[in-house]
Each structure stands twice: as C-alpha cells, then as structure tokens.
C-alpha cells in the first residue's frame, strides 16, 4: 500500500488523525469514534507520536489495534527523536510485519525552550529519516508541509527548500499543518509546484472545539487564526456548543472551497472526536 494509491485524479479522499490515549477506556472510546467515522470510507487513519518520543509504545499499540480492529488502513507517525538507526529499524519492521507500511516521517519537536539534539547514531532532519526508512524496503511515507512556514525556518522560501529535500528523499505525499485561511494553502501549493514538488499536497483541517486549546496549538505550530474567526470564538465565551458550531461552520467553508479547487484529499485533525468531523463530511 502506498500513499499515492489513495489520491487519484478526480477524487477527494478523507483521512483522519488521532493521538494515543493512556487508558483502556480511552482506547475503547477512540475505537468507537473511528467506528463512527469509518462510514465515510477514510483513506487511512494516522496515529501521532508524542513529544520527545513520549508515546512511542502507545503509538505502536494503538496503530495495531486500529489496523486489526477497524480494518481501516493505518499510518503511524515516527520522528527523529530518541532513537538510533537500529532502534528505528527494529520498531518499524515489527509494524511492517503486522501489515503497517504507511509512515508519517517527522523530525519531531525539541525540548521546550531548547534546541533539537539528534540522538546517538540517529538523525537531525526529517529528510534523513525518510532516506533511511526508504532503504528499509516496503515503506510509503508522507511528510509535513507548512503553508505559513515552519516556526524555525528563516523564511517560507527556506522552509520550501527543506520540504523539497524530504520529497526528493522519497516521500510520496505531503500533509500540511492546519491552517484557517485557504489562501495560505493555495499559495503554498503554487510555490511548491514552482520548485518542482509534484507529489500530492493534502490540506490539513482542524475543526475548532475550544478557543484556549486552539490558541495554544497555533502558538506552537506557527499557524494563525484570522481575526474575524477569532472574534466570533471570543463571543462564544464558555458556550461549548456555540464554539463547536463556529468551528464546524468555518471548517466546512474551507472544505467546500478546497474540494471545488480539486484537492486530492483532506486530512482532518480530529482531536479524537467524531462529532465535528462527521458534521462537516455529511454536509460536503
């Protein structure tokens, strides 16, 4: 199975991202969420990898349970953090033997307030990880793209050079960081095509559920919340349902425009919830 298998001309496939949970009850709840989302025929589900490799085993175990229990194609995230070459090989080959060969390859985040330090016999950049995983036959990889530029990049142009390195190393698709203004995505794709990036670039959409939560997330990843949208969220105050409805409405408008433009797919950051994502897809 290859990421490019999901993205055929004239189609728009949905995919969902979830994060590992620490309790059995949480896992059961998440599997129920995915059971509800399975009705939308997702291309795949991706399972994130915690900061500093903190959820490595949870990521592996959850990816296996999703793969076995839902039969939805499952991708697992893997970062450069905390693992040398042999450790990486042992980890990914165990998953490959179970039928999981879709990898979202990332550098990973440095410690808060610190610089990224590569592990002994490990990798400093995502393109190096992609090259190594490519040498272990049988993996298809997606990498991250940043429509508004990576927070650590000196410029959008420099960030695009780094993305091209990842694609040339063997990535089959790009999944973008969340964005809330489609103009950022369209500009990003145009610039990527101009520098020779031709793999599918999948827009990442996060339906907003909570203002404080999304302010924290965007602060970390460098995305911005348009002022008009932010004002509407502020006006919702502590009204959870009103906030969720504003998030659905905005994401739905984004998705309508993206589909109309012919995007090959849409990747939803679900925050392990089904209600908002299901509401959006049903209205598409």
Protein backbone atom coordinates (compact mmCIF):
# COMPACT_ATOMS: atom_id res chain seq x y z
CA UNK A 1 0.00 0.00 0.00
CA UNK A 2 1.24 3.45 -0.95
CA UNK A 3 0.01 6.93 -0.03
CA UNK A 4 -0.30 7.70 -3.73
CA UNK A 5 -2.83 4.86 -4.08
CA UNK A 6 -5.36 6.99 -2.20
CA UNK A 7 -5.04 10.12 -4.31
CA UNK A 8 -6.32 9.53 -7.83
CA UNK A 9 -7.31 12.27 -10.30
CA UNK A 10 -10.91 13.39 -9.89
CA UNK A 11 -11.28 12.05 -6.35
CA UNK A 12 -11.04 13.61 -2.89
CA UNK A 13 -10.35 11.10 -0.13
CA UNK A 14 -10.70 11.89 3.56
CA UNK A 15 -8.21 10.79 6.21
CA UNK A 16 -8.22 11.22 9.97
CA UNK A 17 -5.52 11.89 12.54
CA UNK A 18 -5.81 10.67 16.14
CA UNK A 19 -3.48 10.72 19.12
CA UNK A 20 -2.61 7.90 21.55
CA UNK A 21 -4.56 7.65 24.80
CA UNK A 22 -3.21 6.16 28.01
CA UNK A 23 -6.13 4.14 29.40
CA UNK A 24 -8.04 1.15 28.13
CA UNK A 25 -11.28 3.09 28.47
CA UNK A 26 -9.80 5.84 26.35
CA UNK A 27 -8.77 3.35 23.68
CA UNK A 28 -12.28 1.87 23.60
CA UNK A 29 -13.78 5.34 23.25
CA UNK A 30 -11.40 6.15 20.41
CA UNK A 31 -12.19 2.91 18.59
CA UNK A 32 -15.87 3.83 18.89
CA UNK A 33 -15.11 7.25 17.37
CA UNK A 34 -13.31 5.58 14.48
CA UNK A 35 -16.17 3.15 14.07
CA UNK A 36 -18.45 6.15 13.51
CA UNK A 37 -16.01 7.78 11.10
CA UNK A 38 -15.48 4.53 9.17
CA UNK A 39 -18.83 5.12 7.46
CA UNK A 40 -17.14 7.90 5.47
CA UNK A 41 -14.73 5.43 3.82
CA UNK A 42 -11.49 7.04 5.04
CA UNK A 43 -8.36 6.53 3.01
CA UNK A 44 -6.45 5.93 6.24
CA UNK A 45 -6.11 6.89 9.89
CA UNK A 46 -2.80 8.27 11.17
CA UNK A 47 -1.63 7.91 14.77
CA UNK A 48 0.59 10.67 16.18
CA UNK A 49 3.86 10.34 18.04
CA UNK A 50 4.23 12.28 21.29
CA UNK A 51 6.77 14.98 22.05
CA UNK A 52 10.27 13.63 22.68
CA UNK A 53 9.05 10.17 21.69
CA UNK A 54 6.91 10.01 24.83
CA UNK A 55 4.15 7.91 23.25
CA UNK A 56 6.25 5.63 21.08
CA UNK A 57 4.86 2.39 22.53
CA UNK A 58 1.35 3.82 22.77
CA UNK A 59 1.54 4.88 19.13
CA UNK A 60 2.61 1.41 18.06
CA UNK A 61 -0.02 -0.38 20.16
CA UNK A 62 -2.85 1.93 19.09
CA UNK A 63 -1.90 1.72 15.41
CA UNK A 64 -2.00 -2.07 15.66
CA UNK A 65 -5.38 -2.07 17.40
CA UNK A 66 -6.87 0.27 14.81
CA UNK A 67 -5.42 -1.82 12.00
CA UNK A 68 -6.71 -5.08 13.44
CA UNK A 69 -9.98 -3.87 14.90
CA UNK A 70 -11.32 -1.47 12.26
CA UNK A 71 -9.62 -2.69 9.08
CA UNK A 72 -9.04 0.96 8.18
CA UNK A 73 -5.59 1.43 6.56
CA UNK A 74 -3.41 2.80 9.34
CA UNK A 75 -0.37 5.06 9.22
CA UNK A 76 1.93 5.58 12.18
CA UNK A 77 3.92 8.73 12.89
CA UNK A 78 7.62 8.40 13.59
CA UNK A 79 10.14 11.10 14.49
CA UNK A 80 13.89 11.51 14.70
CA UNK A 81 13.64 12.00 18.47
CA UNK A 82 15.20 9.50 20.84
CA UNK A 83 16.09 6.61 18.52
CA UNK A 84 19.23 5.43 16.76
CA UNK A 85 19.25 3.57 13.45
CA UNK A 86 18.98 0.04 14.81
CA UNK A 87 16.25 1.01 17.26
CA UNK A 88 14.30 2.65 14.45
CA UNK A 89 14.70 -0.40 12.24
CA UNK A 90 13.52 -2.78 14.96
CA UNK A 91 10.47 -0.60 15.69
CA UNK A 92 9.27 -0.08 12.13
CA UNK A 93 9.95 -3.62 10.95
CA UNK A 94 7.76 -5.03 13.74
CA UNK A 95 4.92 -2.88 12.44
CA UNK A 96 5.66 -3.81 8.84
CA UNK A 97 5.33 -7.49 9.72
CA UNK A 98 1.84 -6.70 11.01
CA UNK A 99 0.94 -5.10 7.67
CA UNK A 100 1.55 -1.44 8.52
CA UNK A 101 3.77 0.19 5.93
CA UNK A 102 2.43 3.77 5.90
CA UNK A 103 4.68 6.16 7.84
CA UNK A 104 4.32 9.87 8.54
CA UNK A 105 8.01 10.77 8.92
CA UNK A 106 8.80 13.85 11.00
CA UNK A 107 11.76 15.45 12.69
CA UNK A 108 9.88 15.92 15.94
CA UNK A 109 9.86 18.81 18.38
CA UNK A 110 12.86 19.83 20.51
CA UNK A 111 12.51 20.15 24.30
CA UNK A 112 10.56 23.26 25.26
CA UNK A 113 12.90 26.22 25.09
CA UNK A 114 15.79 24.08 23.83
CA UNK A 115 17.47 23.14 20.59
CA UNK A 116 16.96 19.87 18.77
CA UNK A 117 19.79 17.46 19.54
CA UNK A 118 19.92 14.33 17.39
CA UNK A 119 20.27 11.04 19.25
CA UNK A 120 23.44 9.00 19.03
CA UNK A 121 23.52 7.24 15.64
CA UNK A 122 20.23 8.97 14.81
CA UNK A 123 19.06 11.78 12.58
CA UNK A 124 18.85 15.56 12.76
CA UNK A 125 16.37 16.19 9.94
CA UNK A 126 13.24 14.52 8.58
CA UNK A 127 14.77 14.07 5.11
CA UNK A 128 17.48 11.90 6.70
CA UNK A 129 14.82 9.78 8.39
CA UNK A 130 12.94 9.45 5.08
CA UNK A 131 16.13 8.34 3.32
CA UNK A 132 16.80 5.72 6.00
CA UNK A 133 13.25 4.37 6.03
CA UNK A 134 13.32 4.24 2.23
CA UNK A 135 16.36 1.97 2.49
CA UNK A 136 14.27 -0.46 4.55
CA UNK A 137 12.13 -1.80 1.73
CA UNK A 138 8.37 -1.67 1.87
CA UNK A 139 7.50 1.71 3.38
CA UNK A 140 5.50 4.55 1.89
CA UNK A 141 6.00 7.91 3.55
CA UNK A 142 4.18 11.17 3.99
CA UNK A 143 5.91 14.26 5.36
CA UNK A 144 4.73 17.53 6.89
CA UNK A 145 4.29 20.79 5.00
CA UNK A 146 3.76 24.24 6.49
CA UNK A 147 1.59 26.61 4.43
CA UNK A 148 2.51 29.50 6.72
CA UNK A 149 6.13 28.40 7.11
CA UNK A 150 7.77 26.30 9.81
CA UNK A 151 8.29 28.31 13.03
CA UNK A 152 12.03 27.56 12.98
CA UNK A 153 12.56 28.35 9.29
CA UNK A 154 14.19 31.65 8.41
CA UNK A 155 11.66 32.23 5.62
CA UNK A 156 8.93 30.49 3.65
CA UNK A 157 11.44 30.03 0.83
CA UNK A 158 13.92 28.27 3.13
CA UNK A 159 11.15 26.11 4.51
CA UNK A 160 10.18 25.08 0.98
CA UNK A 161 13.78 24.06 0.26
CA UNK A 162 13.60 21.76 3.29
CA UNK A 163 10.30 20.30 2.07
CA UNK A 164 11.80 19.59 -1.34
CA UNK A 165 14.65 17.70 0.37
CA UNK A 166 12.10 15.48 2.13
CA UNK A 167 10.23 14.78 -1.09
CA UNK A 168 13.41 14.06 -3.03
CA UNK A 169 14.48 11.69 -0.26
CA UNK A 170 11.46 9.53 -1.08
CA UNK A 171 8.25 10.98 0.39
CA UNK A 172 5.10 10.04 -1.53
CA UNK A 173 2.80 12.76 -0.16
CA UNK A 174 2.78 15.95 1.88
CA UNK A 175 0.23 16.51 4.66
CA UNK A 176 0.01 20.13 5.67
CA UNK A 177 -0.11 21.64 9.10
CA UNK A 178 -3.51 23.08 9.98
CA UNK A 179 -4.44 26.44 8.51
CA UNK A 180 -7.57 28.56 8.73
CA UNK A 181 -7.20 30.71 5.62
CA UNK A 182 -7.27 28.74 2.36
CA UNK A 183 -5.20 31.41 0.66
CA UNK A 184 -2.22 30.17 2.66
CA UNK A 185 -2.72 26.65 1.30
CA UNK A 186 -3.21 27.73 -2.33
CA UNK A 187 -0.12 29.95 -2.17
CA UNK A 188 1.87 27.11 -0.61
CA UNK A 189 0.87 24.63 -3.34
CA UNK A 190 1.68 27.12 -6.08
CA UNK A 191 5.12 27.81 -4.64
CA UNK A 192 5.76 24.08 -4.12
CA UNK A 193 4.91 23.32 -7.76
CA UNK A 194 7.24 26.07 -8.93
CA UNK A 195 10.21 24.46 -7.18
CA UNK A 196 9.39 21.04 -8.63
CA UNK A 197 7.39 19.35 -5.87
CA UNK A 198 4.84 17.17 -7.67
CA UNK A 199 3.60 14.71 -5.02
CA UNK A 200 0.06 15.18 -3.64
CA UNK A 201 -0.17 18.00 -1.09
CA UNK A 202 -3.03 17.20 1.27
CA UNK A 203 -4.59 20.09 3.23
CA UNK A 204 -4.85 19.54 6.98
CA UNK A 205 -8.06 20.82 8.57
CA UNK A 206 -8.76 21.10 12.30
CA UNK A 207 -12.35 21.87 13.35
CA UNK A 208 -12.04 24.18 16.35
CA UNK A 209 -13.55 22.86 19.59
CA UNK A 210 -12.10 25.19 22.21
CA UNK A 211 -10.59 28.67 21.91
CA UNK A 212 -7.86 28.30 24.54
CA UNK A 213 -6.90 24.94 23.10
CA UNK A 214 -6.59 26.23 19.53
CA UNK A 215 -4.68 29.32 20.68
CA UNK A 216 -2.15 27.04 22.34
CA UNK A 217 -1.86 24.73 19.34
CA UNK A 218 -1.45 27.53 16.81
CA UNK A 219 1.09 29.22 19.07
CA UNK A 220 3.24 26.10 18.90
CA UNK A 221 2.93 25.36 15.19
CA UNK A 222 3.03 28.88 13.77
CA UNK A 223 -0.47 28.91 12.27
CA UNK A 224 -2.65 31.98 12.64
CA UNK A 225 -6.34 32.38 13.44
CA UNK A 226 -7.97 35.01 11.20
CA UNK A 227 -9.14 37.97 13.27
CA UNK A 228 -12.79 37.65 12.25
CA UNK A 229 -12.84 33.97 13.22
CA UNK A 230 -11.07 34.70 16.49
CA UNK A 231 -13.61 37.40 17.32
CA UNK A 232 -16.51 35.01 16.73
CA UNK A 233 -14.89 32.43 19.01
CA UNK A 234 -14.36 35.01 21.73
CA UNK A 235 -18.03 35.95 21.52
CA UNK A 236 -18.96 32.31 22.22
CA UNK A 237 -17.41 32.63 25.68
CA UNK A 238 -17.79 29.39 27.65
CA UNK A 239 -20.57 28.06 25.40
CA UNK A 240 -19.05 24.76 24.21
CA UNK A 241 -21.76 24.03 21.65
CA UNK A 242 -21.60 27.51 20.14
CA UNK A 243 -17.81 27.27 19.86
CA UNK A 244 -18.07 23.87 18.20
CA UNK A 245 -20.66 25.17 15.74
CA UNK A 246 -18.45 28.09 14.75
CA UNK A 247 -15.58 25.64 14.25
CA UNK A 248 -17.73 23.38 12.08
CA UNK A 249 -19.05 26.29 10.01
CA UNK A 250 -15.58 27.67 9.33
CA UNK A 251 -14.03 24.29 8.51
CA UNK A 252 -16.97 23.42 6.25
CA UNK A 253 -16.45 26.62 4.24
CA UNK A 254 -12.78 25.75 3.93
CA UNK A 255 -13.53 22.22 2.77
CA UNK A 256 -16.12 23.31 0.21
CA UNK A 257 -13.62 25.68 -1.37
CA UNK A 258 -10.80 23.13 -1.22
CA UNK A 259 -12.91 20.43 -2.86
CA UNK A 260 -14.06 22.86 -5.54
CA UNK A 261 -10.40 23.61 -6.31
CA UNK A 262 -9.75 19.89 -6.89
CA UNK A 263 -7.64 18.92 -3.86
CA UNK A 264 -6.73 15.20 -3.87
CA UNK A 265 -7.79 14.72 -0.26
CA UNK A 266 -8.49 16.37 3.08
CA UNK A 267 -6.76 15.29 6.30
CA UNK A 268 -8.80 16.00 9.42
CA UNK A 269 -7.14 16.61 12.77
CA UNK A 270 -9.92 15.04 14.83
CA UNK A 271 -8.66 15.62 18.39
CA UNK A 272 -10.12 12.11 18.95
CA UNK A 273 -13.68 13.38 18.45
CA UNK A 274 -16.14 12.43 15.72
CA UNK A 275 -19.00 14.92 16.03
CA UNK A 276 -17.45 17.93 14.26
CA UNK A 277 -15.71 15.93 11.54
CA UNK A 278 -18.83 13.88 10.85
CA UNK A 279 -20.91 17.05 10.65
CA UNK A 280 -18.52 18.55 8.13
CA UNK A 281 -18.31 15.50 5.87
CA UNK A 282 -22.06 14.93 5.93
CA UNK A 283 -22.51 18.49 4.66
CA UNK A 284 -19.91 18.03 1.93
